[in-house]
Protein backbone atom coordinates (compact mmCIF):
# COMPACT_ATOMS: atom_id res chain seq x y z
CA MET A 1 3.81 14.08 -12.66
CA ALA A 2 0.06 13.41 -12.49
CA THR A 3 -3.12 15.27 -11.63
CA TYR A 4 -5.71 13.48 -9.50
CA PHE A 5 -9.40 14.23 -8.91
CA ILE A 6 -11.46 12.89 -6.03
CA SER A 7 -14.85 13.66 -4.51
CA ASP A 8 -17.59 12.37 -2.24
CA LEU A 9 -15.43 10.77 0.42
CA HIS A 10 -17.99 11.78 3.07
CA LEU A 11 -15.44 11.26 5.83
CA GLU A 12 -16.98 10.88 9.30
CA ARG A 13 -14.49 9.04 11.52
CA ILE A 14 -10.73 8.66 11.78
CA GLU A 15 -11.05 4.94 12.44
CA SER A 16 -12.64 3.93 9.16
CA SER A 17 -11.61 2.21 5.94
CA LYS A 18 -12.33 5.37 3.95
CA THR A 19 -10.06 7.52 6.07
CA ASN A 20 -7.36 4.86 5.87
CA ILE A 21 -7.60 4.67 2.07
CA PHE A 22 -7.51 8.47 1.88
CA SER A 23 -4.40 8.68 4.06
CA GLN A 24 -2.59 6.00 2.09
CA PHE A 25 -3.56 7.69 -1.17
CA LEU A 26 -2.09 11.02 -0.01
CA ASN A 27 1.09 9.36 1.19
CA GLY A 28 1.49 7.71 -2.21
CA LEU A 29 1.41 10.96 -4.20
CA ASP A 30 4.65 11.99 -5.85
CA GLN A 31 6.38 15.34 -5.70
CA ASP A 32 4.86 17.85 -8.13
CA ASP A 33 1.61 15.89 -8.44
CA SER A 34 -1.62 17.88 -8.12
CA LEU A 35 -4.84 16.99 -6.33
CA TYR A 36 -8.31 18.44 -6.86
CA ILE A 37 -11.01 17.60 -4.30
CA LEU A 38 -14.37 18.26 -5.95
CA GLY A 39 -16.59 18.49 -2.90
CA ASP A 40 -17.94 16.41 -0.02
CA LEU A 41 -14.60 15.57 1.48
CA PHE A 42 -16.52 15.51 4.75
CA GLU A 43 -19.96 14.12 5.50
CA SER A 44 -20.64 17.33 7.40
CA TRP A 45 -18.84 20.61 8.07
CA ILE A 46 -20.62 23.18 10.22
CA GLY A 47 -17.85 25.79 10.37
CA ASP A 48 -14.10 26.21 10.58
CA ASP A 49 -14.43 26.98 14.30
CA ASN A 50 -15.60 23.42 14.96
CA VAL A 51 -12.61 21.32 13.96
CA SER A 52 -13.09 17.78 15.19
CA GLU A 53 -10.41 15.15 15.72
CA LEU A 54 -11.12 13.95 12.17
CA GLY A 55 -11.01 17.50 10.83
CA GLN A 56 -7.62 18.15 12.40
CA PHE A 57 -6.30 14.84 11.09
CA VAL A 58 -7.33 15.77 7.54
CA ILE A 59 -5.89 19.27 7.90
CA ASP A 60 -2.56 17.82 9.00
CA GLN A 61 -2.57 15.28 6.17
CA LEU A 62 -3.29 17.93 3.53
CA ASN A 63 -0.84 20.41 5.01
CA SER A 64 1.97 17.85 4.78
CA LEU A 65 1.48 17.71 1.00
CA SER A 66 2.59 21.31 0.54
CA LYS A 67 5.96 20.38 2.02
CA ARG A 68 6.33 17.87 -0.82
CA ALA A 69 5.47 20.46 -3.50
CA ILE A 70 2.06 18.86 -4.12
CA LYS A 71 -0.62 21.36 -5.04
CA VAL A 72 -4.06 20.75 -3.52
CA ALA A 73 -7.31 22.58 -4.31
CA ILE A 74 -10.74 21.94 -2.82
CA MET A 75 -14.26 22.75 -3.95
CA HIS A 76 -17.39 22.92 -1.84
CA GLY A 77 -19.82 20.03 -1.97
CA ASN A 78 -23.40 19.85 -0.81
CA ARG A 79 -22.24 18.46 2.55
CA ASP A 80 -19.23 20.66 3.30
CA PHE A 81 -20.09 23.99 1.67
CA LEU A 82 -19.15 25.83 4.88
CA ILE A 83 -15.46 25.03 4.55
CA GLY A 84 -13.85 28.46 4.72
CA ASN A 85 -10.63 30.41 4.59
CA ASP A 86 -9.44 29.23 8.02
CA PHE A 87 -9.54 25.62 6.86
CA SER A 88 -7.87 26.60 3.60
CA ARG A 89 -4.99 28.34 5.37
CA ALA A 90 -4.54 25.64 8.01
CA SER A 91 -4.39 22.86 5.43
CA SER A 92 -2.46 24.82 2.77
CA VAL A 93 -5.10 24.18 0.11
CA GLU A 94 -6.71 26.50 -2.41
CA LEU A 95 -10.46 27.07 -2.28
CA MET A 96 -11.88 26.77 -5.80
CA ASP A 97 -14.96 28.34 -7.29
CA ASP A 98 -17.66 26.03 -8.58
CA PRO A 99 -17.48 25.70 -11.51
CA CYS A 100 -13.90 26.43 -12.52
CA ILE A 101 -11.73 25.72 -15.54
CA ILE A 102 -8.24 24.27 -15.49
CA GLU A 103 -5.80 23.42 -18.26
CA ILE A 104 -3.72 20.22 -18.43
CA GLU A 105 -1.63 19.05 -21.34
CA THR A 106 -3.02 21.98 -23.40
CA LYS A 107 -6.57 20.72 -22.78
CA LYS A 108 -9.17 22.65 -20.81
CA ALA A 109 -11.51 20.94 -18.38
CA LEU A 110 -14.52 22.16 -16.46
CA LEU A 111 -14.54 21.12 -12.80
CA THR A 112 -17.71 21.16 -10.72
CA HIS A 113 -19.13 19.29 -7.76
CA GLY A 114 -22.09 18.38 -9.96
CA ASP A 115 -25.12 19.27 -7.88
CA GLN A 116 -25.83 22.38 -9.97
CA LEU A 117 -26.40 20.08 -12.95
CA CYS A 118 -29.20 18.16 -11.21
CA THR A 119 -31.81 20.67 -12.32
CA ASP A 120 -34.70 18.16 -12.33
CA ASP A 121 -34.49 17.97 -8.53
CA ASN A 122 -36.47 21.15 -7.81
CA GLU A 123 -36.65 20.46 -4.08
CA TYR A 124 -32.88 20.19 -3.76
CA GLN A 125 -32.21 23.23 -5.96
CA ALA A 126 -34.51 25.33 -3.78
CA PHE A 127 -32.67 24.13 -0.67
CA ARG A 128 -29.32 24.82 -2.32
CA SER A 129 -30.27 28.39 -3.19
CA VAL A 130 -31.01 29.04 0.49
CA VAL A 131 -27.94 27.48 2.12
CA ARG A 132 -25.51 28.90 -0.45
CA ASN A 133 -26.76 32.43 0.26
CA PRO A 134 -23.99 34.37 2.09
CA VAL A 135 -26.55 35.98 4.40
CA TRP A 136 -27.94 32.60 5.47
CA GLN A 137 -24.41 31.27 5.99
CA LYS A 138 -23.38 34.24 8.11
CA ASP A 139 -26.45 33.83 10.32
CA PHE A 140 -25.90 30.06 10.62
CA LEU A 141 -22.23 30.45 11.60
CA ASN A 142 -23.24 32.88 14.35
CA PHE A 143 -25.31 30.18 16.04
CA PRO A 144 -23.73 28.18 18.90
CA ILE A 145 -22.09 24.97 17.70
CA SER A 146 -24.72 22.86 19.48
CA LYS A 147 -27.51 24.54 17.51
CA ARG A 148 -25.60 24.18 14.25
CA GLU A 149 -25.13 20.48 14.92
CA LYS A 150 -28.86 20.10 15.56
CA ILE A 151 -29.81 21.92 12.35
CA ALA A 152 -27.28 19.95 10.30
CA GLY A 153 -28.56 16.67 11.71
CA GLU A 154 -32.16 17.56 10.95
CA ALA A 155 -31.23 18.60 7.41
CA LYS A 156 -29.38 15.32 6.85
CA ASP A 157 -32.35 13.29 8.06
CA ALA A 158 -34.73 15.29 5.86
CA SER A 159 -32.48 14.71 2.87
CA LYS A 160 -32.46 10.95 3.45
CA ASP A 161 -36.25 10.86 3.77
CA SER A 162 -36.66 12.94 0.62
CA LYS A 163 -34.47 10.64 -1.47
CA VAL A 164 -36.65 7.63 -0.64
CA ASN A 165 -39.51 9.08 -2.66
CA LYS A 166 -37.48 10.38 -5.61
CA ALA A 167 -36.76 8.57 -8.84
CA MET A 168 -33.06 8.02 -9.42
CA GLU A 169 -33.27 9.96 -12.68
CA ILE A 170 -34.37 13.10 -10.83
CA MET A 171 -31.24 12.99 -8.67
CA ASP A 172 -28.94 12.58 -11.67
CA VAL A 173 -27.68 15.36 -13.92
CA ASN A 174 -29.94 16.88 -16.52
CA GLU A 175 -28.62 16.31 -20.06
CA ASP A 176 -29.55 19.80 -21.24
CA ALA A 177 -27.82 21.34 -18.21
CA VAL A 178 -24.69 19.34 -19.04
CA LEU A 179 -24.66 20.49 -22.68
CA ASP A 180 -25.27 24.08 -21.60
CA ALA A 181 -22.28 23.87 -19.27
CA PHE A 182 -20.05 22.52 -22.04
CA ASN A 183 -21.15 25.23 -24.44
CA ASP A 184 -21.15 28.12 -21.96
CA HIS A 185 -17.58 27.39 -20.88
CA ALA A 186 -16.28 26.36 -24.31
CA VAL A 187 -14.68 23.11 -23.07
CA ALA A 188 -14.85 19.51 -24.24
CA ILE A 189 -14.01 17.83 -20.90
CA MET A 190 -16.01 17.92 -17.67
CA ILE A 191 -15.14 16.28 -14.34
CA HIS A 192 -17.60 16.11 -11.45
CA GLY A 193 -18.89 14.05 -8.57
CA HIS A 194 -22.06 14.28 -6.45
CA THR A 195 -24.23 11.71 -8.24
CA HIS A 196 -22.26 8.68 -6.95
CA ARG A 197 -22.47 7.18 -10.44
CA PRO A 198 -18.87 6.82 -11.64
CA ASN A 199 -18.65 6.55 -15.40
CA VAL A 200 -17.31 8.07 -18.59
CA HIS A 201 -19.96 9.65 -20.80
CA ARG A 202 -19.13 10.57 -24.38
CA ILE A 203 -21.50 13.03 -26.03
CA SER A 204 -21.59 14.13 -29.64
CA ASN A 205 -23.63 16.65 -31.57
CA ASP A 206 -23.37 18.15 -35.02
CA LYS A 207 -20.44 20.37 -34.09
CA SER A 208 -18.52 18.90 -31.15
CA ASN A 209 -17.53 15.88 -29.08
CA PHE A 210 -17.65 16.10 -25.31
CA THR A 211 -16.51 13.80 -22.51
CA ARG A 212 -17.97 13.86 -18.99
CA TYR A 213 -16.05 12.01 -16.28
CA VAL A 214 -18.04 11.19 -13.14
CA LEU A 215 -16.15 10.42 -9.93
CA GLY A 216 -17.39 7.91 -7.37
CA ASP A 217 -18.33 8.08 -3.71
CA TRP A 218 -16.05 6.25 -1.28
CA SER A 219 -16.72 3.14 0.76
CA LYS A 220 -14.67 0.16 1.90
CA GLU A 221 -15.67 -1.55 -1.34
CA SER A 222 -15.03 1.28 -3.81
CA ALA A 223 -13.11 4.56 -4.03
CA ILE A 224 -13.10 5.62 -7.66
CA ILE A 225 -10.92 8.58 -8.60
CA LEU A 226 -9.56 10.06 -11.82
CA LYS A 227 -5.90 10.21 -12.84
CA TRP A 228 -4.72 12.50 -15.64
CA ASP A 229 -1.14 12.36 -16.87
CA GLU A 230 0.82 12.35 -20.12
CA THR A 231 -0.59 8.91 -20.98
CA GLY A 232 -4.20 10.05 -20.80
CA ILE A 233 -7.19 10.10 -18.46
CA GLU A 234 -8.51 7.10 -16.55
CA LEU A 235 -10.76 6.18 -13.65
CA LEU A 236 -9.10 4.10 -10.91
CA ASP A 237 -10.53 2.28 -7.90
CA LEU A 238 -8.29 2.82 -4.87
CA ALA A 239 -10.24 0.33 -2.75
CA GLN A 240 -9.12 -2.49 -5.02
CA ARG A 241 -5.51 -1.72 -4.09
CA HIS A 242 -5.98 -2.23 -0.35
């Protein structure tokens, strides 16, 4: 029995190497395994009432896991924060808060998408505070799908343009924000995605030792996930297996 963590797949098309790796990964899970999806499963999600061919494929894939006694939970990312209860019910997955704490092998871990930790990126944090507002989301979901698609496309283009002029350090997590999260939640393990910088960071201060595991984004060259079982915790690259 193992627990797996993935994020930042940014799925866009059924016919793609990423979707194929994802499908094969799900099919390879064993009974009683658990899967946590820490945001950005999709490149874009403009509402549960707009399920594309890809969206339905993913729903069916996830729903089949419940029949094999595999628990799946999903967290919002910065691309798919409008995933809602209809998607959750259709796919038989649990919608998680961000952040949340889980316990495995008597150890507690803080799970988060990771974008909240990028506090140096003031432009993004301002944008995030707007789109995560329930009032804004309600108004957006009341728009016709065509208008939502237009707004989402414009936001994506603006995000790409903005990143060109930002230093990489600004788009990474802030060290003080990371330490505050460890201390506020009284945990020694953190798992997140978002930054697309897979790594294991070990942090020490006068009182404690902390470990921050960063998941990777997916491409045909790399799909780095985390596996946690009785033998320990490790990062694996699924793309190297295909």
